[in-house]
Every structure is written in structure tokens, then in C-alpha cells.
Amino acid sequence: MSERPTVYLTRDIPQAGRDALEDHCEVVVWPDAVEPSHETLIERVADLEADGLFCTVADTVDATVMDASESLRAIGTMSVGYDHIDLEAARAREITVGHTPGVLAETTADLGWALLMAGARRTVEAHTRVRDGDWESWGPTVLLGRDIHEATLGVVGLGRIGTEFAKRAAGFDMDVVYSHTSPNEAAERELAEYGIDATYCSLEDVLERSDFVSLHVPLLEDTHHLLGEDELRRMDDEAILVNTARGEIVDTDALVQALESGWIRHAALDVSNPEPLPADHQLLDHAPESLTISPHIGSASMATRSEMAVMTAENILAGLRGSELPHSAFDDADLS
């Protein structure tokens, strides 16, 4: 790169990622904690005549964003998923698109277990009671939760994150059942090394058999609203649903009804639809008694976010150089 290109960041990022970019580029960072609106994103890309765009899953990067700057030739998203980017439009404009696969599986699995355990043992609800001065925790019928040990864990989607999530069941002597596009024998062998005999089932069987159901599928056309009213009704009324994947995988209206009607005991979510979830959304009426929710922080450890920032920077720099990307979204996407 003979001249220093301009890269626009839609969020502040860990310093390691900024350092990697600033060694070669002019870096402009959106200053607010909340992402820019779509209209503002278009305006900023245009005003800067941006050569590169560093974005997150909160940003919709469509053809209008790409056309805002004739100089734009590299997009990097600090995420594994890239459903927020129009890959067809990017390819048509010869804009490279990078993502960050294989880096956050363990960290997201950790967060999934934090949510599962919080929902099972009602820790957020207990915290709220203590904060409010309601110290009745040792009443014989107060804050009774669900045992995790020796329960049945259902994993919907046994990919990288789903496998890491299932591994952690070994410490609780849980039975593991899973659904996937087809039996994942490689993942089964990996889990067997941890003493887990994972059983492949249909989605319906997983929902009916499991005490805890955790979602780990990508957001695709056929996984949008994968869990709706019929599926939620199939679950045990004491079951706990965990979602660290994408909010759109669950029909939010159906989930609200499930919590109101007692079809399931608890939902523990790191993602929602819509996202951000408005403070007055009716789903939040169920927190913390039957809802535990966090704001999409599955990958939010210091080490993982730093590594993701560097990977995104490296993808952008490669695209600006005209080199092969270390992690191209085009390599994983089906654009046929």
C-alpha cells in the first residue's frame, strides 16, 4: 500500500486490533457506545471515502453502504457470523469480506454455561432479592431451582460452539442428546474423550427429552424461527432454554407466550430479536423470575475479543493489499 488507506471502525475495539491497523492505515472510530444508525454508517463511509470498514454483527452492511464509497474494497466483521453483510453485493463489487471463525467457541460455551446455571439455580433472582432487602433465602420453599447434575442436556447444532458447550456437561454427569443436519461423528468421538456418549436425535426428540436445551445453529433461512410455538410446546414444562446463537432462531412472540403460559420454566438468553431489546419489551416482564438475559456478550473475554480484533484487522489489511484473506467469509458461504 503506497498511500495510507482509511479504515472506518463502527465501534471502539481492543488496542491490539487498533495497533495492527494504525501501523498501515488512517483509522477513524465511531465514538459512541451504541453502533451508528444505518443512515449514519452510510454517511460516514461516504464522507471518509473509506477504503476499509471494520464492523460488528450490529451493523447492517448492504449495497447502500458499499456504494457510499467508491474506494471501499475491504470489509471485516468482528464476528463468526456474517449474515448482516450482503455477500452477493460485496462479491459483485469485488469487495473482500473477512470474519473471525474458530476463535470464540470456548468463550461462548463458557457464557452459555453461566446462563444455564443462573437460570437453573435462580442466581439473578436471588441477587435481586438480596439487593432489595428481601432476605428470606433459607425458607424451605424459597428460590427452589433445578439440579444440573445427572440431568439431560440437549444441544441443537453440534458444531464448534455446540461441541465445546457439550464438553462441559462432563463435569455434571449429564446425558447429552443432540440434533444436527446429520450425525456428527467427529464431534461424537471428541466428546467420547471426555466420557460423554452423545446421542444423535431429531430436533423433536431433543426438545422432548431434555431438561436443558441449548441452541448453537447459525442463522440461515431454514433456522429462522427454528423454535416456534409448536417446538416450545414440545419441551418439558420444567425445561430451561439457552440461546447464545442468534435471536432470530427463536420466535420471540412464541417465547413470550411460553413464559406466560408455563410451557417452559426459564429462558436464559445472550441474544434476542429484536436486538437491542427495548427496555419496555414484554419479554423483559419475565425477568428475573423466568428470564435471564445478557446483551450479546458470548465472546466478551479480554483475550478472545483482542484476538478477534486482530483477526479482523488482518483480514482488512489483506483485502486492502489485494492478498488472500486469512479468513474469508466467501470461503464458508454458499453463494451458488
Protein backbone atom coordinates (compact mmCIF):
# COMPACT_ATOMS: atom_id res chain seq x y z
CA MET A 1 0.00 0.00 0.00
CA SER A 2 1.74 3.12 -1.23
CA GLU A 3 -0.68 5.52 0.45
CA ARG A 4 -2.28 5.10 3.82
CA PRO A 5 -5.86 3.98 3.27
CA THR A 6 -8.69 4.99 5.57
CA VAL A 7 -10.46 2.36 7.68
CA TYR A 8 -13.69 3.18 9.46
CA LEU A 9 -14.47 1.35 12.73
CA THR A 10 -18.11 1.25 13.80
CA ARG A 11 -17.05 0.63 17.43
CA ASP A 12 -14.02 1.11 19.61
CA ILE A 13 -12.05 -2.13 19.73
CA PRO A 14 -9.28 -3.67 21.86
CA GLN A 15 -5.99 -1.85 21.42
CA ALA A 16 -4.22 -4.77 19.77
CA GLY A 17 -6.58 -4.54 16.81
CA ARG A 18 -6.19 -0.77 16.53
CA ASP A 19 -2.42 -1.07 16.68
CA ALA A 20 -2.43 -3.55 13.80
CA LEU A 21 -4.48 -1.17 11.66
CA GLU A 22 -2.76 2.05 12.66
CA ASP A 23 0.61 0.70 11.57
CA HIS A 24 -0.65 0.87 7.98
CA CYS A 25 -3.85 2.93 7.86
CA GLU A 26 -5.63 6.06 8.93
CA VAL A 27 -8.17 4.82 11.46
CA VAL A 28 -11.41 6.62 12.27
CA VAL A 29 -13.54 5.28 15.11
CA TRP A 30 -17.23 5.86 15.78
CA PRO A 31 -17.13 7.44 19.27
CA ASP A 32 -20.40 6.27 20.80
CA ALA A 33 -21.05 3.09 22.79
CA VAL A 34 -24.06 2.24 20.60
CA GLU A 35 -23.43 1.47 16.94
CA PRO A 36 -24.18 4.14 14.30
CA SER A 37 -27.56 4.00 12.62
CA HIS A 38 -27.65 2.60 9.11
CA GLU A 39 -28.07 6.09 7.70
CA THR A 40 -25.13 7.39 9.72
CA LEU A 41 -22.99 4.45 8.65
CA ILE A 42 -23.65 5.31 5.00
CA GLU A 43 -22.85 8.97 5.64
CA ARG A 44 -19.58 8.25 7.46
CA VAL A 45 -18.34 5.77 4.86
CA ALA A 46 -19.13 8.34 2.17
CA ASP A 47 -17.61 11.33 3.97
CA LEU A 48 -14.39 9.46 4.69
CA GLU A 49 -14.22 7.84 1.24
CA ALA A 50 -13.38 4.78 3.31
CA ASP A 51 -11.16 2.10 1.85
CA GLY A 52 -11.91 -0.38 4.63
CA LEU A 53 -14.81 -0.99 7.01
CA PHE A 54 -14.43 -2.69 10.39
CA CYS A 55 -17.91 -3.70 11.59
CA THR A 56 -19.76 -5.95 14.05
CA VAL A 57 -22.93 -8.03 13.94
CA ALA A 58 -24.90 -4.96 14.99
CA ASP A 59 -24.21 -3.25 11.65
CA THR A 60 -26.23 -3.92 8.51
CA VAL A 61 -23.74 -3.74 5.68
CA ASP A 62 -25.72 -3.82 2.46
CA ALA A 63 -25.26 -2.47 -1.06
CA THR A 64 -26.10 1.08 0.01
CA VAL A 65 -23.20 1.05 2.48
CA MET A 66 -20.84 -0.46 -0.09
CA ASP A 67 -21.83 2.10 -2.72
CA ALA A 68 -21.25 5.01 -0.33
CA SER A 69 -17.52 4.97 -1.10
CA GLU A 70 -16.03 4.12 -4.47
CA SER A 71 -12.79 3.36 -2.62
CA LEU A 72 -14.25 0.65 -0.39
CA ARG A 73 -12.52 -2.65 -1.08
CA ALA A 74 -12.28 -4.49 2.25
CA ILE A 75 -14.85 -5.29 4.95
CA GLY A 76 -14.02 -7.11 8.15
CA THR A 77 -16.58 -8.16 10.72
CA MET A 78 -15.51 -8.89 14.29
CA SER A 79 -17.73 -11.94 14.46
CA VAL A 80 -18.04 -15.51 13.28
CA GLY A 81 -21.42 -14.82 11.69
CA TYR A 82 -21.75 -12.67 8.59
CA ASP A 83 -25.49 -12.73 7.97
CA HIS A 84 -25.51 -8.94 8.50
CA ILE A 85 -23.37 -8.44 5.38
CA ASP A 86 -24.71 -8.78 1.83
CA LEU A 87 -22.07 -11.11 0.45
CA GLU A 88 -23.60 -11.18 -3.02
CA ALA A 89 -23.36 -7.40 -3.23
CA ALA A 90 -19.79 -7.47 -1.93
CA ARG A 91 -18.68 -10.07 -4.46
CA ALA A 92 -20.34 -8.15 -7.30
CA ARG A 93 -18.33 -5.07 -6.27
CA GLU A 94 -15.10 -7.04 -5.74
CA ILE A 95 -15.04 -6.11 -2.05
CA THR A 96 -13.43 -8.68 0.22
CA VAL A 97 -15.24 -9.78 3.38
CA GLY A 98 -13.46 -11.33 6.37
CA HIS A 99 -14.77 -12.84 9.61
CA THR A 100 -13.37 -14.49 12.74
CA PRO A 101 -14.12 -18.23 12.84
CA GLY A 102 -12.66 -20.68 15.32
CA VAL A 103 -11.71 -18.16 17.97
CA LEU A 104 -14.68 -17.79 20.28
CA ALA A 105 -16.09 -21.29 20.68
CA GLU A 106 -14.71 -21.93 24.16
CA THR A 107 -15.51 -18.44 25.44
CA THR A 108 -19.09 -18.54 24.15
CA ALA A 109 -19.54 -22.01 25.61
CA ASP A 110 -18.42 -20.66 28.99
CA LEU A 111 -21.02 -17.90 28.80
CA GLY A 112 -23.69 -20.40 27.80
CA TRP A 113 -22.98 -22.39 30.94
CA ALA A 114 -23.09 -19.25 33.05
CA LEU A 115 -26.59 -18.59 31.70
CA LEU A 116 -27.68 -22.21 32.12
CA MET A 117 -26.55 -22.29 35.74
CA ALA A 118 -28.02 -18.87 36.52
CA GLY A 119 -31.36 -19.98 35.14
CA ALA A 120 -31.27 -23.34 36.88
CA ARG A 121 -30.32 -22.03 40.31
CA ARG A 122 -32.10 -18.65 40.04
CA THR A 123 -28.99 -16.69 40.98
CA VAL A 124 -30.04 -13.42 39.32
CA GLU A 125 -33.41 -13.57 41.04
CA ALA A 126 -31.66 -14.30 44.34
CA HIS A 127 -29.27 -11.38 43.83
CA THR A 128 -32.23 -9.08 43.18
CA ARG A 129 -33.93 -10.19 46.38
CA VAL A 130 -30.83 -9.55 48.46
CA ARG A 131 -30.33 -6.15 46.86
CA ASP A 132 -33.95 -5.28 47.68
CA GLY A 133 -33.58 -6.38 51.30
CA ASP A 134 -35.76 -9.47 50.87
CA TRP A 135 -33.56 -11.86 52.87
CA GLU A 136 -35.69 -14.99 53.00
CA SER A 137 -33.41 -17.29 51.07
CA TRP A 138 -33.41 -20.09 53.62
CA GLY A 139 -37.14 -20.61 53.60
CA PRO A 140 -37.78 -24.27 52.79
CA THR A 141 -39.70 -23.42 49.62
CA VAL A 142 -37.90 -20.21 48.62
CA LEU A 143 -35.90 -19.95 45.38
CA LEU A 144 -36.05 -23.64 44.58
CA GLY A 145 -34.24 -24.31 41.34
CA ARG A 146 -33.32 -27.25 39.13
CA ASP A 147 -30.48 -29.68 39.65
CA ILE A 148 -27.99 -29.70 36.80
CA HIS A 149 -26.11 -32.86 37.73
CA GLU A 150 -27.38 -36.07 36.12
CA ALA A 151 -29.89 -34.14 34.02
CA THR A 152 -30.28 -34.41 30.23
CA LEU A 153 -28.69 -31.74 28.09
CA GLY A 154 -29.99 -31.17 24.58
CA VAL A 155 -27.67 -29.44 22.12
CA VAL A 156 -29.22 -28.09 18.94
CA GLY A 157 -26.35 -27.78 16.48
CA LEU A 158 -23.19 -29.73 17.30
CA GLY A 159 -20.70 -27.50 15.53
CA ARG A 160 -17.65 -25.87 17.11
CA ILE A 161 -19.50 -23.98 19.82
CA GLY A 162 -22.06 -26.71 20.40
CA THR A 163 -19.30 -29.27 20.89
CA GLU A 164 -17.45 -27.05 23.35
CA PHE A 165 -20.69 -26.46 25.20
CA ALA A 166 -21.41 -30.20 25.37
CA LYS A 167 -17.90 -30.95 26.69
CA ARG A 168 -18.68 -29.00 29.83
CA ALA A 169 -21.53 -31.37 30.65
CA ALA A 170 -18.96 -34.00 31.65
CA GLY A 171 -18.41 -32.26 34.97
CA PHE A 172 -22.09 -32.66 35.83
CA ASP A 173 -22.53 -36.31 34.78
CA MET A 174 -25.18 -35.28 32.28
CA ASP A 175 -26.67 -37.29 29.45
CA VAL A 176 -26.21 -35.45 26.15
CA VAL A 177 -28.51 -35.65 23.15
CA TYR A 178 -28.11 -33.50 20.08
CA SER A 179 -29.64 -32.59 16.76
CA HIS A 180 -27.66 -31.55 13.71
CA THR A 181 -28.02 -31.57 9.94
CA SER A 182 -26.74 -35.17 10.16
CA PRO A 183 -24.88 -37.23 12.76
CA ASN A 184 -21.60 -35.50 13.58
CA GLU A 185 -19.37 -38.49 14.16
CA ALA A 186 -16.21 -36.42 14.55
CA ALA A 187 -17.81 -34.39 17.34
CA GLU A 188 -19.12 -37.58 18.94
CA ARG A 189 -15.60 -39.01 19.02
CA GLU A 190 -14.25 -35.78 20.51
CA LEU A 191 -16.92 -35.83 23.22
CA ALA A 192 -16.24 -39.50 23.93
CA GLU A 193 -12.74 -38.48 25.03
CA TYR A 194 -14.45 -36.57 27.84
CA GLY A 195 -16.62 -39.53 28.78
CA ILE A 196 -19.70 -38.18 27.00
CA ASP A 197 -21.78 -40.56 24.90
CA ALA A 198 -23.65 -38.02 22.77
CA THR A 199 -26.77 -39.41 21.09
CA TYR A 200 -27.98 -38.06 17.76
CA CYS A 201 -31.73 -37.36 17.65
CA SER A 202 -34.26 -35.41 15.70
CA LEU A 203 -34.93 -31.87 16.89
CA GLU A 204 -38.31 -33.00 18.18
CA ASP A 205 -36.74 -35.75 20.28
CA VAL A 206 -34.12 -33.38 21.69
CA LEU A 207 -36.82 -30.92 22.75
CA GLU A 208 -38.96 -33.63 24.35
CA ARG A 209 -36.15 -35.46 26.16
CA SER A 210 -34.06 -32.60 27.52
CA ASP A 211 -34.07 -30.81 30.85
CA PHE A 212 -31.87 -28.10 29.31
CA VAL A 213 -31.87 -27.16 25.63
CA SER A 214 -29.06 -25.02 24.21
CA LEU A 215 -29.08 -23.53 20.70
CA HIS A 216 -25.91 -23.44 18.59
CA VAL A 217 -27.03 -23.19 14.97
CA PRO A 218 -26.15 -20.41 12.52
CA LEU A 219 -28.84 -18.03 11.36
CA LEU A 220 -29.92 -19.30 7.95
CA GLU A 221 -33.19 -19.31 6.07
CA ASP A 222 -34.10 -22.72 7.44
CA THR A 223 -33.09 -21.89 11.03
CA HIS A 224 -35.04 -18.63 11.23
CA HIS A 225 -37.72 -19.25 13.90
CA LEU A 226 -36.47 -22.82 14.25
CA LEU A 227 -38.17 -22.76 17.63
CA GLY A 228 -41.73 -21.52 17.42
CA GLU A 229 -44.90 -22.32 19.30
CA ASP A 230 -45.02 -26.00 18.31
CA GLU A 231 -41.40 -26.58 19.32
CA LEU A 232 -41.67 -24.72 22.62
CA ARG A 233 -44.80 -26.70 23.49
CA ARG A 234 -42.83 -29.91 22.94
CA MET A 235 -40.39 -29.01 25.71
CA ASP A 236 -40.90 -30.14 29.29
CA ASP A 237 -42.64 -27.51 31.41
CA GLU A 238 -39.63 -27.55 33.76
CA ALA A 239 -37.11 -27.21 30.93
CA ILE A 240 -34.69 -24.32 30.54
CA LEU A 241 -33.86 -22.88 27.11
CA VAL A 242 -30.41 -21.38 26.49
CA ASN A 243 -29.67 -19.31 23.39
CA THR A 244 -26.21 -17.91 22.66
CA ALA A 245 -26.56 -18.19 18.87
CA ARG A 246 -28.88 -15.65 17.21
CA GLY A 247 -32.11 -14.15 18.50
CA GLU A 248 -33.99 -14.82 15.26
CA ILE A 249 -33.67 -18.57 15.75
CA VAL A 250 -36.46 -18.32 18.33
CA ASP A 251 -39.85 -16.79 17.60
CA THR A 252 -39.91 -14.06 20.24
CA ASP A 253 -43.71 -13.83 20.36
CA ALA A 254 -43.92 -17.58 20.91
CA LEU A 255 -41.25 -17.38 23.62
CA VAL A 256 -43.18 -14.67 25.45
CA GLN A 257 -46.26 -16.89 25.32
CA ALA A 258 -44.23 -19.88 26.51
CA LEU A 259 -43.07 -17.99 29.59
CA GLU A 260 -46.52 -16.54 30.27
CA SER A 261 -48.24 -19.92 29.88
CA GLY A 262 -45.61 -22.03 31.64
CA TRP A 263 -44.71 -24.15 28.63
CA ILE A 264 -41.08 -23.94 29.84
CA ARG A 265 -39.61 -22.95 33.18
CA HIS A 266 -36.97 -20.43 32.11
CA ALA A 267 -35.21 -18.84 29.15
CA ALA A 268 -31.53 -17.88 29.50
CA LEU A 269 -30.55 -15.68 26.58
CA ASP A 270 -27.48 -13.86 25.33
CA VAL A 271 -29.25 -12.88 22.11
CA SER A 272 -32.71 -11.55 21.31
CA ASN A 273 -34.93 -10.44 18.49
CA PRO A 274 -35.05 -7.51 18.22
CA GLU A 275 -31.55 -6.63 19.34
CA PRO A 276 -31.01 -4.38 21.18
CA LEU A 277 -34.13 -5.35 23.09
CA PRO A 278 -36.17 -2.25 24.05
CA ALA A 279 -36.39 -1.67 27.79
CA ASP A 280 -40.20 -1.85 27.63
CA HIS A 281 -40.32 -5.08 25.62
CA GLN A 282 -42.80 -7.56 27.06
CA LEU A 283 -40.15 -10.30 27.15
CA LEU A 284 -38.42 -8.37 29.93
CA ASP A 285 -41.58 -8.54 32.04
CA HIS A 286 -40.45 -12.09 32.87
CA ALA A 287 -37.03 -11.14 34.25
CA PRO A 288 -35.59 -12.36 36.51
CA GLU A 289 -38.12 -14.99 37.60
CA SER A 290 -38.32 -16.84 34.29
CA LEU A 291 -35.83 -14.93 32.16
CA THR A 292 -32.08 -14.38 32.45
CA ILE A 293 -30.66 -12.19 29.70
CA SER A 294 -27.34 -10.62 28.77
CA PRO A 295 -26.55 -8.20 25.91
CA HIS A 296 -24.82 -10.48 23.38
CA ILE A 297 -21.58 -10.94 25.33
CA GLY A 298 -20.78 -14.52 24.33
CA SER A 299 -17.28 -13.65 23.12
CA ALA A 300 -16.67 -10.93 25.71
CA SER A 301 -13.50 -12.06 27.40
CA MET A 302 -10.44 -9.85 27.21
CA ALA A 303 -8.33 -12.47 25.47
CA THR A 304 -10.95 -13.53 22.93
CA ARG A 305 -12.08 -10.04 21.95
CA SER A 306 -8.46 -8.96 21.49
CA GLU A 307 -7.78 -11.93 19.24
CA MET A 308 -10.94 -11.23 17.26
CA ALA A 309 -9.93 -7.60 16.79
CA VAL A 310 -6.52 -8.60 15.45
CA MET A 311 -8.04 -11.22 13.13
CA THR A 312 -10.47 -8.63 11.75
CA ALA A 313 -7.65 -6.14 11.24
CA GLU A 314 -5.57 -8.75 9.43
CA ASN A 315 -8.50 -9.60 7.13
CA ILE A 316 -8.96 -5.93 6.26
CA LEU A 317 -5.25 -5.34 5.68
CA ALA A 318 -5.05 -8.36 3.39
CA GLY A 319 -8.05 -7.11 1.43
CA LEU A 320 -6.52 -3.67 1.05
CA ARG A 321 -3.28 -5.23 -0.22
CA GLY A 322 -5.15 -7.42 -2.66
CA SER A 323 -3.88 -10.52 -0.88
CA GLU A 324 -5.75 -13.66 0.10
CA LEU A 325 -7.66 -13.14 3.35
CA PRO A 326 -6.71 -15.30 6.34
CA HIS A 327 -10.42 -15.86 6.99
CA SER A 328 -12.70 -15.03 4.07
CA ALA A 329 -16.47 -15.21 4.51
CA PHE A 330 -16.71 -16.18 0.85
CA ASP A 331 -14.88 -19.41 1.59
CA ASP A 332 -17.57 -20.54 4.06
CA ALA A 333 -20.69 -19.09 2.42
CA ASP A 334 -22.77 -20.84 -0.20
CA LEU A 335 -23.22 -18.23 -2.93
CA SER A 336 -24.34 -20.65 -5.62
